[in-house]
């Protein structure tokens, strides 16, 4: 029995692709939220969009770094490194887009009263 991963290289690559798809989807959601919320929120919508886009981009880059570290570690000693940077950046982007959406809904409701 060996400590090497059963599927060397493929599982980390699938994980990286999944992270990249998620980051790209969140970046697009950040930009689309600016398009729809700009009328109600004004400049705040742009700020939310830029912050969400920046965090999604940061998570994209962090996921690439994590992949390279994981690939190197699995090839040498067989243990995965622990790193939560990509997860925290993605969470920040998600919270930013969610906050923008919540403020947008409240702004629409307030304008109809």
PDB file of N, CA and C in Angstrom:
ATOM      1  N   UNK A   1       0.842  -1.184   0.000  1.00  0.00           N
ATOM      2  CA  UNK A   1       0.000   0.000   0.000  1.00  0.00           C
ATOM      3  C   UNK A   1       0.883   1.241   0.000  1.00  0.00           C
ATOM      4  N   UNK A   2       0.465   2.253  -0.716  1.00  0.00           N
ATOM      5  CA  UNK A   2       1.257   3.476  -0.848  1.00  0.00           C
ATOM      6  C   UNK A   2       0.462   4.677  -0.336  1.00  0.00           C
ATOM      7  N   UNK A   3       1.174   5.718   0.058  1.00  0.00           N
ATOM      8  CA  UNK A   3       0.528   6.945   0.533  1.00  0.00           C
ATOM      9  C   UNK A   3       0.181   7.890  -0.612  1.00  0.00           C
ATOM     10  N   UNK A   4       0.532   7.530  -1.803  1.00  0.00           N
ATOM     11  CA  UNK A   4       0.240   8.378  -2.963  1.00  0.00           C
ATOM     12  C   UNK A   4      -1.259   8.382  -3.252  1.00  0.00           C
ATOM     13  N   UNK A   5      -1.777   9.485  -3.782  1.00  0.00           N
ATOM     14  CA  UNK A   5      -3.209   9.514  -4.111  1.00  0.00           C
ATOM     15  C   UNK A   5      -3.556   8.511  -5.211  1.00  0.00           C
ATOM     16  N   UNK A   6      -4.740   7.959  -5.132  1.00  0.00           N
ATOM     17  CA  UNK A   6      -5.185   6.969  -6.111  1.00  0.00           C
ATOM     18  C   UNK A   6      -5.242   7.574  -7.511  1.00  0.00           C
ATOM     19  N   UNK A   7      -5.667   8.816  -7.588  1.00  0.00           N
ATOM     20  CA  UNK A   7      -5.911   9.486  -8.859  1.00  0.00           C
ATOM     21  C   UNK A   7      -4.974  10.691  -8.968  1.00  0.00           C
ATOM     22  N   UNK A   8      -3.678  10.499  -9.138  1.00  0.00           N
ATOM     23  CA  UNK A   8      -2.734  11.608  -9.064  1.00  0.00           C
ATOM     24  C   UNK A   8      -2.995  12.671 -10.132  1.00  0.00           C
ATOM     25  N   UNK A   9      -3.150  13.904  -9.686  1.00  0.00           N
ATOM     26  CA  UNK A   9      -3.291  15.029 -10.597  1.00  0.00           C
ATOM     27  C   UNK A   9      -4.702  15.345 -11.022  1.00  0.00           C
ATOM     28  N   UNK A  10      -5.540  14.357 -11.172  1.00  0.00           N
ATOM     29  CA  UNK A  10      -6.866  14.637 -11.713  1.00  0.00           C
ATOM     30  C   UNK A  10      -7.807  15.258 -10.689  1.00  0.00           C
ATOM     31  N   UNK A  11      -7.823  14.763  -9.482  1.00  0.00           N
ATOM     32  CA  UNK A  11      -8.732  15.297  -8.485  1.00  0.00           C
ATOM     33  C   UNK A  11      -8.416  16.760  -8.159  1.00  0.00           C
ATOM     34  N   UNK A  12      -7.167  17.149  -7.955  1.00  0.00           N
ATOM     35  CA  UNK A  12      -6.886  18.573  -7.734  1.00  0.00           C
ATOM     36  C   UNK A  12      -7.252  19.433  -8.942  1.00  0.00           C
ATOM     37  N   UNK A  13      -7.088  18.903 -10.138  1.00  0.00           N
ATOM     38  CA  UNK A  13      -7.447  19.671 -11.330  1.00  0.00           C
ATOM     39  C   UNK A  13      -8.955  19.861 -11.433  1.00  0.00           C
ATOM     40  N   UNK A  14      -9.724  18.838 -11.111  1.00  0.00           N
ATOM     41  CA  UNK A  14     -11.186  18.980 -11.120  1.00  0.00           C
ATOM     42  C   UNK A  14     -11.628  19.994 -10.075  1.00  0.00           C
ATOM     43  N   UNK A  15     -10.974  19.968  -8.917  1.00  0.00           N
ATOM     44  CA  UNK A  15     -11.300  20.922  -7.863  1.00  0.00           C
ATOM     45  C   UNK A  15     -10.982  22.338  -8.314  1.00  0.00           C
ATOM     46  N   UNK A  16      -9.832  22.530  -8.964  1.00  0.00           N
ATOM     47  CA  UNK A  16      -9.464  23.851  -9.468  1.00  0.00           C
ATOM     48  C   UNK A  16     -10.481  24.352 -10.488  1.00  0.00           C
ATOM     49  N   UNK A  17     -10.891  23.487 -11.402  1.00  0.00           N
ATOM     50  CA  UNK A  17     -11.883  23.892 -12.399  1.00  0.00           C
ATOM     51  C   UNK A  17     -13.205  24.273 -11.743  1.00  0.00           C
ATOM     52  N   UNK A  18     -13.587  23.540 -10.721  1.00  0.00           N
ATOM     53  CA  UNK A  18     -14.813  23.863 -10.000  1.00  0.00           C
ATOM     54  C   UNK A  18     -14.714  25.227  -9.320  1.00  0.00           C
ATOM     55  N   UNK A  19     -13.582  25.483  -8.678  1.00  0.00           N
ATOM     56  CA  UNK A  19     -13.363  26.792  -8.045  1.00  0.00           C
ATOM     57  C   UNK A  19     -13.402  27.901  -9.089  1.00  0.00           C
ATOM     58  N   UNK A  20     -12.775  27.675 -10.224  1.00  0.00           N
ATOM     59  CA  UNK A  20     -12.753  28.711 -11.262  1.00  0.00           C
ATOM     60  C   UNK A  20     -14.139  28.989 -11.797  1.00  0.00           C
ATOM     61  N   UNK A  21     -14.950  27.959 -12.020  1.00  0.00           N
ATOM     62  CA  UNK A  21     -16.326  28.170 -12.481  1.00  0.00           C
ATOM     63  C   UNK A  21     -17.115  28.974 -11.461  1.00  0.00           C
ATOM     64  N   UNK A  22     -16.952  28.642 -10.190  1.00  0.00           N
ATOM     65  CA  UNK A  22     -17.671  29.340  -9.135  1.00  0.00           C
ATOM     66  C   UNK A  22     -17.239  30.805  -9.060  1.00  0.00           C
ATOM     67  N   UNK A  23     -15.950  31.052  -9.140  1.00  0.00           N
ATOM     68  CA  UNK A  23     -15.446  32.430  -9.087  1.00  0.00           C
ATOM     69  C   UNK A  23     -15.924  33.246 -10.283  1.00  0.00           C
ATOM     70  N   UNK A  24     -15.896  32.654 -11.465  1.00  0.00           N
ATOM     71  CA  UNK A  24     -16.369  33.359 -12.650  1.00  0.00           C
ATOM     72  C   UNK A  24     -17.865  33.663 -12.565  1.00  0.00           C
ATOM     73  N   UNK A  25     -18.640  32.703 -12.071  1.00  0.00           N
ATOM     74  CA  UNK A  25     -20.075  32.931 -11.917  1.00  0.00           C
ATOM     75  C   UNK A  25     -20.350  34.057 -10.926  1.00  0.00           C
ATOM     76  N   UNK A  26     -19.587  34.105  -9.832  1.00  0.00           N
ATOM     77  CA  UNK A  26     -19.775  35.160  -8.848  1.00  0.00           C
ATOM     78  C   UNK A  26     -19.326  36.515  -9.386  1.00  0.00           C
ATOM     79  N   UNK A  27     -18.277  36.536 -10.200  1.00  0.00           N
ATOM     80  CA  UNK A  27     -17.845  37.788 -10.824  1.00  0.00           C
ATOM     81  C   UNK A  27     -18.918  38.316 -11.766  1.00  0.00           C
ATOM     82  N   UNK A  28     -19.507  37.429 -12.548  1.00  0.00           N
ATOM     83  CA  UNK A  28     -20.592  37.838 -13.449  1.00  0.00           C
ATOM     84  C   UNK A  28     -21.798  38.314 -12.644  1.00  0.00           C
ATOM     85  N   UNK A  29     -22.125  37.621 -11.565  1.00  0.00           N
ATOM     86  CA  UNK A  29     -23.243  38.045 -10.714  1.00  0.00           C
ATOM     87  C   UNK A  29     -22.987  39.422 -10.123  1.00  0.00           C
ATOM     88  N   UNK A  30     -21.751  39.714  -9.773  1.00  0.00           N
ATOM     89  CA  UNK A  30     -21.410  41.034  -9.244  1.00  0.00           C
ATOM     90  C   UNK A  30     -21.663  42.114 -10.289  1.00  0.00           C
ATOM     91  N   UNK A  31     -21.248  41.846 -11.523  1.00  0.00           N
ATOM     92  CA  UNK A  31     -21.454  42.833 -12.587  1.00  0.00           C
ATOM     93  C   UNK A  31     -22.925  42.976 -12.959  1.00  0.00           C
ATOM     94  N   UNK A  32     -23.653  41.883 -12.983  1.00  0.00           N
ATOM     95  CA  UNK A  32     -25.078  41.936 -13.309  1.00  0.00           C
ATOM     96  C   UNK A  32     -25.847  42.670 -12.210  1.00  0.00           C
ATOM     97  N   UNK A  33     -25.428  42.493 -10.955  1.00  0.00           N
ATOM     98  CA  UNK A  33     -26.103  43.209  -9.873  1.00  0.00           C
ATOM     99  C   UNK A  33     -25.937  44.713 -10.019  1.00  0.00           C
ATOM    100  N   UNK A  34     -24.811  45.162 -10.551  1.00  0.00           N
ATOM    101  CA  UNK A  34     -24.623  46.598 -10.804  1.00  0.00           C
ATOM    102  C   UNK A  34     -25.611  47.060 -11.860  1.00  0.00           C
ATOM    103  N   UNK A  35     -25.766  46.284 -12.885  1.00  0.00           N
ATOM    104  CA  UNK A  35     -26.686  46.646 -13.982  1.00  0.00           C
ATOM    105  C   UNK A  35     -28.109  46.851 -13.484  1.00  0.00           C
ATOM    106  N   UNK A  36     -28.576  45.953 -12.623  1.00  0.00           N
ATOM    107  CA  UNK A  36     -29.950  46.040 -12.169  1.00  0.00           C
ATOM    108  C   UNK A  36     -30.141  46.968 -10.979  1.00  0.00           C
ATOM    109  N   UNK A  37     -29.143  47.085 -10.130  1.00  0.00           N
ATOM    110  CA  UNK A  37     -29.297  47.870  -8.907  1.00  0.00           C
ATOM    111  C   UNK A  37     -28.876  49.325  -9.056  1.00  0.00           C
ATOM    112  N   UNK A  38     -28.245  49.693 -10.147  1.00  0.00           N
ATOM    113  CA  UNK A  38     -27.733  51.055 -10.310  1.00  0.00           C
ATOM    114  C   UNK A  38     -28.848  52.090 -10.240  1.00  0.00           C
ATOM    115  N   UNK A  39     -30.015  51.768 -10.747  1.00  0.00           N
ATOM    116  CA  UNK A  39     -31.139  52.711 -10.745  1.00  0.00           C
ATOM    117  C   UNK A  39     -31.613  53.014  -9.329  1.00  0.00           C
ATOM    118  N   UNK A  40     -31.611  52.017  -8.476  1.00  0.00           N
ATOM    119  CA  UNK A  40     -32.094  52.193  -7.108  1.00  0.00           C
ATOM    120  C   UNK A  40     -30.974  52.639  -6.168  1.00  0.00           C
ATOM    121  N   UNK A  41     -29.799  52.037  -6.279  1.00  0.00           N
ATOM    122  CA  UNK A  41     -28.722  52.293  -5.334  1.00  0.00           C
ATOM    123  C   UNK A  41     -27.724  53.345  -5.795  1.00  0.00           C
ATOM    124  N   UNK A  42     -27.689  53.641  -7.063  1.00  0.00           N
ATOM    125  CA  UNK A  42     -26.758  54.638  -7.576  1.00  0.00           C
ATOM    126  C   UNK A  42     -25.313  54.174  -7.479  1.00  0.00           C
ATOM    127  N   UNK A  43     -24.463  55.041  -6.931  1.00  0.00           N
ATOM    128  CA  UNK A  43     -23.035  54.749  -6.833  1.00  0.00           C
ATOM    129  C   UNK A  43     -22.752  53.561  -5.910  1.00  0.00           C
ATOM    130  N   UNK A  44     -23.599  53.328  -4.921  1.00  0.00           N
ATOM    131  CA  UNK A  44     -23.403  52.194  -4.013  1.00  0.00           C
ATOM    132  C   UNK A  44     -23.439  50.872  -4.775  1.00  0.00           C
ATOM    133  N   UNK A  45     -24.265  50.787  -5.816  1.00  0.00           N
ATOM    134  CA  UNK A  45     -24.325  49.557  -6.621  1.00  0.00           C
ATOM    135  C   UNK A  45     -22.990  49.297  -7.307  1.00  0.00           C
ATOM    136  N   UNK A  46     -22.371  50.366  -7.796  1.00  0.00           N
ATOM    137  CA  UNK A  46     -21.069  50.221  -8.444  1.00  0.00           C
ATOM    138  C   UNK A  46     -20.022  49.772  -7.426  1.00  0.00           C
ATOM    139  N   UNK A  47     -20.067  50.344  -6.223  1.00  0.00           N
ATOM    140  CA  UNK A  47     -19.120  49.955  -5.175  1.00  0.00           C
ATOM    141  C   UNK A  47     -19.299  48.485  -4.820  1.00  0.00           C
ATOM    142  N   UNK A  48     -20.550  48.055  -4.623  1.00  0.00           N
ATOM    143  CA  UNK A  48     -20.813  46.648  -4.330  1.00  0.00           C
ATOM    144  C   UNK A  48     -20.306  45.752  -5.467  1.00  0.00           C
ATOM    145  N   UNK A  49     -20.557  46.153  -6.697  1.00  0.00           N
ATOM    146  CA  UNK A  49     -20.118  45.359  -7.839  1.00  0.00           C
ATOM    147  C   UNK A  49     -18.603  45.246  -7.935  1.00  0.00           C
ATOM    148  N   UNK A  50     -17.919  46.363  -7.709  1.00  0.00           N
ATOM    149  CA  UNK A  50     -16.456  46.356  -7.780  1.00  0.00           C
ATOM    150  C   UNK A  50     -15.868  45.517  -6.648  1.00  0.00           C
ATOM    151  N   UNK A  51     -16.408  45.640  -5.441  1.00  0.00           N
ATOM    152  CA  UNK A  51     -15.913  44.843  -4.311  1.00  0.00           C
ATOM    153  C   UNK A  51     -16.155  43.362  -4.565  1.00  0.00           C
ATOM    154  N   UNK A  52     -17.345  43.003  -5.020  1.00  0.00           N
ATOM    155  CA  UNK A  52     -17.643  41.603  -5.329  1.00  0.00           C
ATOM    156  C   UNK A  52     -16.747  41.062  -6.432  1.00  0.00           C
ATOM    157  N   UNK A  53     -16.530  41.868  -7.455  1.00  0.00           N
ATOM    158  CA  UNK A  53     -15.666  41.460  -8.560  1.00  0.00           C
ATOM    159  C   UNK A  53     -14.223  41.281  -8.082  1.00  0.00           C
ATOM    160  N   UNK A  54     -13.744  42.192  -7.254  1.00  0.00           N
ATOM    161  CA  UNK A  54     -12.369  42.098  -6.740  1.00  0.00           C
ATOM    162  C   UNK A  54     -12.193  40.853  -5.873  1.00  0.00           C
ATOM    163  N   UNK A  55     -13.172  40.564  -5.039  1.00  0.00           N
ATOM    164  CA  UNK A  55     -13.062  39.377  -4.182  1.00  0.00           C
ATOM    165  C   UNK A  55     -13.150  38.097  -4.999  1.00  0.00           C
ATOM    166  N   UNK A  56     -14.006  38.072  -6.001  1.00  0.00           N
ATOM    167  CA  UNK A  56     -14.099  36.890  -6.863  1.00  0.00           C
ATOM    168  C   UNK A  56     -12.791  36.689  -7.630  1.00  0.00           C
ATOM    169  N   UNK A  57     -12.181  37.783  -8.091  1.00  0.00           N
ATOM    170  CA  UNK A  57     -10.899  37.694  -8.774  1.00  0.00           C
ATOM    171  C   UNK A  57      -9.808  37.199  -7.822  1.00  0.00           C
ATOM    172  N   UNK A  58      -9.809  37.718  -6.601  1.00  0.00           N
ATOM    173  CA  UNK A  58      -8.850  37.259  -5.602  1.00  0.00           C
ATOM    174  C   UNK A  58      -9.012  35.782  -5.293  1.00  0.00           C
ATOM    175  N   UNK A  59     -10.254  35.319  -5.199  1.00  0.00           N
ATOM    176  CA  UNK A  59     -10.511  33.899  -4.946  1.00  0.00           C
ATOM    177  C   UNK A  59     -10.045  33.051  -6.124  1.00  0.00           C
ATOM    178  N   UNK A  60     -10.207  33.561  -7.342  1.00  0.00           N
ATOM    179  CA  UNK A  60      -9.753  32.861  -8.543  1.00  0.00           C
ATOM    180  C   UNK A  60      -8.240  32.660  -8.497  1.00  0.00           C
ATOM    181  N   UNK A  61      -7.527  33.725  -8.157  1.00  0.00           N
ATOM    182  CA  UNK A  61      -6.059  33.653  -8.068  1.00  0.00           C
ATOM    183  C   UNK A  61      -5.637  32.742  -6.920  1.00  0.00           C
ATOM    184  N   UNK A  62      -6.298  32.876  -5.762  1.00  0.00           N
ATOM    185  CA  UNK A  62      -5.963  32.038  -4.601  1.00  0.00           C
ATOM    186  C   UNK A  62      -6.214  30.563  -4.894  1.00  0.00           C
ATOM    187  N   UNK A  63      -7.254  30.260  -5.660  1.00  0.00           N
ATOM    188  CA  UNK A  63      -7.529  28.865  -6.023  1.00  0.00           C
ATOM    189  C   UNK A  63      -6.408  28.303  -6.889  1.00  0.00           C
ATOM    190  N   UNK A  64      -5.867  29.120  -7.784  1.00  0.00           N
ATOM    191  CA  UNK A  64      -4.740  28.681  -8.611  1.00  0.00           C
ATOM    192  C   UNK A  64      -3.501  28.390  -7.771  1.00  0.00           C
ATOM    193  N   UNK A  65      -3.233  29.269  -6.796  1.00  0.00           N
ATOM    194  CA  UNK A  65      -2.101  29.039  -5.895  1.00  0.00           C
ATOM    195  C   UNK A  65      -2.321  27.767  -5.074  1.00  0.00           C
ATOM    196  N   UNK A  66      -3.529  27.588  -4.610  1.00  0.00           N
ATOM    197  CA  UNK A  66      -3.852  26.398  -3.813  1.00  0.00           C
ATOM    198  C   UNK A  66      -3.659  25.131  -4.629  1.00  0.00           C
ATOM    199  N   UNK A  67      -4.068  25.163  -5.897  1.00  0.00           N
ATOM    200  CA  UNK A  67      -3.893  24.001  -6.763  1.00  0.00           C
ATOM    201  C   UNK A  67      -2.412  23.651  -6.911  1.00  0.00           C
ATOM    202  N   UNK A  68      -1.590  24.670  -7.178  1.00  0.00           N
ATOM    203  CA  UNK A  68      -0.163  24.399  -7.363  1.00  0.00           C
ATOM    204  C   UNK A  68       0.467  23.829  -6.093  1.00  0.00           C
ATOM    205  N   UNK A  69       0.077  24.371  -4.944  1.00  0.00           N
ATOM    206  CA  UNK A  69       0.594  23.851  -3.679  1.00  0.00           C
ATOM    207  C   UNK A  69       0.127  22.416  -3.444  1.00  0.00           C
ATOM    208  N   UNK A  70      -1.144  22.151  -3.725  1.00  0.00           N
ATOM    209  CA  UNK A  70      -1.688  20.807  -3.516  1.00  0.00           C
ATOM    210  C   UNK A  70      -1.022  19.808  -4.460  1.00  0.00           C
ATOM    211  N   UNK A  71      -0.849  20.201  -5.700  1.00  0.00           N
ATOM    212  CA  UNK A  71      -0.215  19.294  -6.668  1.00  0.00           C
ATOM    213  C   UNK A  71       1.213  18.971  -6.248  1.00  0.00           C
ATOM    214  N   UNK A  72       1.939  19.994  -5.824  1.00  0.00           N
ATOM    215  CA  UNK A  72       3.315  19.790  -5.375  1.00  0.00           C
ATOM    216  C   UNK A  72       3.347  18.900  -4.135  1.00  0.00           C
ATOM    217  N   UNK A  73       2.451  19.164  -3.180  1.00  0.00           N
ATOM    218  CA  UNK A  73       2.431  18.378  -1.943  1.00  0.00           C
ATOM    219  C   UNK A  73       2.038  16.926  -2.203  1.00  0.00           C
ATOM    220  N   UNK A  74       1.029  16.714  -3.050  1.00  0.00           N
ATOM    221  CA  UNK A  74       0.615  15.340  -3.352  1.00  0.00           C
ATOM    222  C   UNK A  74       1.713  14.581  -4.095  1.00  0.00           C
ATOM    223  N   UNK A  75       2.486  15.281  -4.892  1.00  0.00           N
ATOM    224  CA  UNK A  75       3.564  14.627  -5.635  1.00  0.00           C
ATOM    225  C   UNK A  75       4.753  14.290  -4.749  1.00  0.00           C
ATOM    226  N   UNK A  76       4.963  15.066  -3.683  1.00  0.00           N
ATOM    227  CA  UNK A  76       6.144  14.832  -2.855  1.00  0.00           C
ATOM    228  C   UNK A  76       5.833  14.027  -1.603  1.00  0.00           C
ATOM    229  N   UNK A  77       4.990  14.564  -0.711  1.00  0.00           N
ATOM    230  CA  UNK A  77       4.778  13.859   0.559  1.00  0.00           C
ATOM    231  C   UNK A  77       3.377  13.282   0.731  1.00  0.00           C
ATOM    232  N   UNK A  78       2.458  13.543  -0.181  1.00  0.00           N
ATOM    233  CA  UNK A  78       1.144  12.929  -0.146  1.00  0.00           C
ATOM    234  C   UNK A  78       0.141  13.559   0.792  1.00  0.00           C
ATOM    235  N   UNK A  79       0.462  14.705   1.386  1.00  0.00           N
ATOM    236  CA  UNK A  79      -0.476  15.373   2.291  1.00  0.00           C
ATOM    237  C   UNK A  79      -0.880  16.719   1.718  1.00  0.00           C
ATOM    238  N   UNK A  80      -2.164  17.011   1.808  1.00  0.00           N
ATOM    239  CA  UNK A  80      -2.673  18.279   1.298  1.00  0.00           C
ATOM    240  C   UNK A  80      -2.402  19.409   2.285  1.00  0.00           C
ATOM    241  N   UNK A  81      -1.998  20.571   1.783  1.00  0.00           N
ATOM    242  CA  UNK A  81      -1.833  21.731   2.662  1.00  0.00           C
ATOM    243  C   UNK A  81      -3.192  22.328   3.007  1.00  0.00           C
ATOM    244  N   UNK A  82      -3.265  22.997   4.138  1.00  0.00           N
ATOM    245  CA  UNK A  82      -4.511  23.665   4.509  1.00  0.00           C
ATOM    246  C   UNK A  82      -4.391  25.145   4.202  1.00  0.00           C
ATOM    247  N   UNK A  83      -5.414  25.682   3.541  1.00  0.00           N
ATOM    248  CA  UNK A  83      -5.415  27.078   3.145  1.00  0.00           C
ATOM    249  C   UNK A  83      -6.866  27.489   2.918  1.00  0.00           C
ATOM    250  N   UNK A  84      -7.284  28.543   3.587  1.00  0.00           N
ATOM    251  CA  UNK A  84      -8.677  28.973   3.470  1.00  0.00           C
ATOM    252  C   UNK A  84      -8.805  30.314   2.772  1.00  0.00           C
ATOM    253  N   UNK A  85      -7.754  30.820   2.141  1.00  0.00           N
ATOM    254  CA  UNK A  85      -7.803  32.143   1.521  1.00  0.00           C
ATOM    255  C   UNK A  85      -8.859  32.216   0.427  1.00  0.00           C
ATOM    256  N   UNK A  86      -8.895  31.249  -0.468  1.00  0.00           N
ATOM    257  CA  UNK A  86      -9.865  31.266  -1.559  1.00  0.00           C
ATOM    258  C   UNK A  86     -11.287  31.190  -1.015  1.00  0.00           C
ATOM    259  N   UNK A  87     -11.490  30.353  -0.014  1.00  0.00           N
ATOM    260  CA  UNK A  87     -12.815  30.214   0.576  1.00  0.00           C
ATOM    261  C   UNK A  87     -13.267  31.513   1.231  1.00  0.00           C
ATOM    262  N   UNK A  88     -12.385  32.166   1.955  1.00  0.00           N
ATOM    263  CA  UNK A  88     -12.742  33.430   2.609  1.00  0.00           C
ATOM    264  C   UNK A  88     -13.023  34.533   1.594  1.00  0.00           C
ATOM    265  N   UNK A  89     -12.236  34.605   0.535  1.00  0.00           N
ATOM    266  CA  UNK A  89     -12.484  35.608  -0.502  1.00  0.00           C
ATOM    267  C   UNK A  89     -13.800  35.346  -1.217  1.00  0.00           C
ATOM    268  N   UNK A  90     -14.070  34.098  -1.520  1.00  0.00           N
ATOM    269  CA  UNK A  90     -15.328  33.757  -2.177  1.00  0.00           C
ATOM    270  C   UNK A  90     -16.510  34.045  -1.264  1.00  0.00           C
ATOM    271  N   UNK A  91     -16.367  33.753   0.012  1.00  0.00           N
ATOM    272  CA  UNK A  91     -17.415  34.066   0.976  1.00  0.00           C
ATOM    273  C   UNK A  91     -17.648  35.571   1.044  1.00  0.00           C
ATOM    274  N   UNK A  92     -16.578  36.352   1.046  1.00  0.00           N
ATOM    275  CA  UNK A  92     -16.714  37.812   1.050  1.00  0.00           C
ATOM    276  C   UNK A  92     -17.445  38.320  -0.177  1.00  0.00           C
ATOM    277  N   UNK A  93     -17.122  37.769  -1.340  1.00  0.00           N
ATOM    278  CA  UNK A  93     -17.807  38.168  -2.567  1.00  0.00           C
ATOM    279  C   UNK A  93     -19.281  37.795  -2.516  1.00  0.00           C
ATOM    280  N   UNK A  94     -19.580  36.627  -1.996  1.00  0.00           N
ATOM    281  CA  UNK A  94     -20.963  36.178  -1.887  1.00  0.00           C
ATOM    282  C   UNK A  94     -21.761  37.061  -0.930  1.00  0.00           C
ATOM    283  N   UNK A  95     -21.165  37.410   0.187  1.00  0.00           N
ATOM    284  CA  UNK A  95     -21.834  38.296   1.153  1.00  0.00           C
ATOM    285  C   UNK A  95     -22.045  39.680   0.537  1.00  0.00           C
ATOM    286  N   UNK A  96     -21.067  40.168  -0.221  1.00  0.00           N
ATOM    287  CA  UNK A  96     -21.197  41.474  -0.865  1.00  0.00           C
ATOM    288  C   UNK A  96     -22.344  41.491  -1.864  1.00  0.00           C
ATOM    289  N   UNK A  97     -22.413  40.487  -2.714  1.00  0.00           N
ATOM    290  CA  UNK A  97     -23.503  40.412  -3.694  1.00  0.00           C
ATOM    291  C   UNK A  97     -24.839  40.231  -2.981  1.00  0.00           C
ATOM    292  N   UNK A  98     -24.870  39.404  -1.945  1.00  0.00           N
ATOM    293  CA  UNK A  98     -26.102  39.214  -1.175  1.00  0.00           C
ATOM    294  C   UNK A  98     -26.570  40.496  -0.512  1.00  0.00           C
ATOM    295  N   UNK A  99     -25.638  41.256   0.062  1.00  0.00           N
ATOM    296  CA  UNK A  99     -25.992  42.540   0.688  1.00  0.00           C
ATOM    297  C   UNK A  99     -26.522  43.521  -0.350  1.00  0.00           C
ATOM    298  N   UNK A 100     -25.892  43.561  -1.518  1.00  0.00           N
ATOM    299  CA  UNK A 100     -26.370  44.449  -2.581  1.00  0.00           C
ATOM    300  C   UNK A 100     -27.785  44.065  -3.009  1.00  0.00           C
ATOM    301  N   UNK A 101     -28.043  42.773  -3.126  1.00  0.00           N
ATOM    302  CA  UNK A 101     -29.385  42.314  -3.511  1.00  0.00           C
ATOM    303  C   UNK A 101     -30.417  42.660  -2.438  1.00  0.00           C
ATOM    304  N   UNK A 102     -30.064  42.475  -1.173  1.00  0.00           N
ATOM    305  CA  UNK A 102     -30.985  42.799  -0.083  1.00  0.00           C
ATOM    306  C   UNK A 102     -31.288  44.289  -0.048  1.00  0.00           C
ATOM    307  N   UNK A 103     -30.271  45.111  -0.205  1.00  0.00           N
ATOM    308  CA  UNK A 103     -30.486  46.565  -0.214  1.00  0.00           C
ATOM    309  C   UNK A 103     -31.320  46.968  -1.426  1.00  0.00           C
ATOM    310  N   UNK A 104     -31.091  46.329  -2.539  1.00  0.00           N
ATOM    311  CA  UNK A 104     -31.885  46.596  -3.733  1.00  0.00           C
ATOM    312  C   UNK A 104     -33.357  46.285  -3.498  1.00  0.00           C
ATOM    313  N   UNK A 105     -33.641  45.130  -2.907  1.00  0.00           N
ATOM    314  CA  UNK A 105     -35.035  44.749  -2.645  1.00  0.00           C
ATOM    315  C   UNK A 105     -35.692  45.734  -1.680  1.00  0.00           C
ATOM    316  N   UNK A 106     -34.983  46.122  -0.641  1.00  0.00           N
ATOM    317  CA  UNK A 106     -35.519  47.102   0.309  1.00  0.00           C
ATOM    318  C   UNK A 106     -35.731  48.442  -0.376  1.00  0.00           C
ATOM    319  N   UNK A 107     -34.793  48.835  -1.243  1.00  0.00           N
ATOM    320  CA  UNK A 107     -34.944  50.107  -1.976  1.00  0.00           C
ATOM    321  C   UNK A 107     -36.130  50.091  -2.904  1.00  0.00           C
ATOM    322  N   UNK A 108     -36.369  48.994  -3.589  1.00  0.00           N
ATOM    323  CA  UNK A 108     -37.541  48.878  -4.486  1.00  0.00           C
ATOM    324  C   UNK A 108     -38.830  48.964  -3.665  1.00  0.00           C
ATOM    325  N   UNK A 109     -38.859  48.244  -2.540  1.00  0.00           N
ATOM    326  CA  UNK A 109     -40.052  48.255  -1.681  1.00  0.00           C
ATOM    327  C   UNK A 109     -40.308  49.653  -1.135  1.00  0.00           C
ATOM    328  N   UNK A 110     -39.257  50.352  -0.725  1.00  0.00           N
ATOM    329  CA  UNK A 110     -39.413  51.703  -0.182  1.00  0.00           C
ATOM    330  C   UNK A 110     -39.885  52.673  -1.254  1.00  0.00           C
ATOM    331  N   UNK A 111     -39.452  52.501  -2.484  1.00  0.00           N
ATOM    332  CA  UNK A 111     -39.868  53.427  -3.557  1.00  0.00           C
ATOM    333  C   UNK A 111     -41.317  53.216  -3.955  1.00  0.00           C
ATOM    334  N   UNK A 112     -41.891  52.077  -3.650  1.00  0.00           N
ATOM    335  CA  UNK A 112     -43.289  51.795  -4.018  1.00  0.00           C
ATOM    336  C   UNK A 112     -44.264  52.222  -2.927  1.00  0.00           C
ATOM    337  N   UNK A 113     -43.752  52.630  -1.771  1.00  0.00           N
ATOM    338  CA  UNK A 113     -44.642  53.054  -0.675  1.00  0.00           C
ATOM    339  C   UNK A 113     -45.083  54.474  -0.833  1.00  0.00           C
TER     340      UNK A 113
END
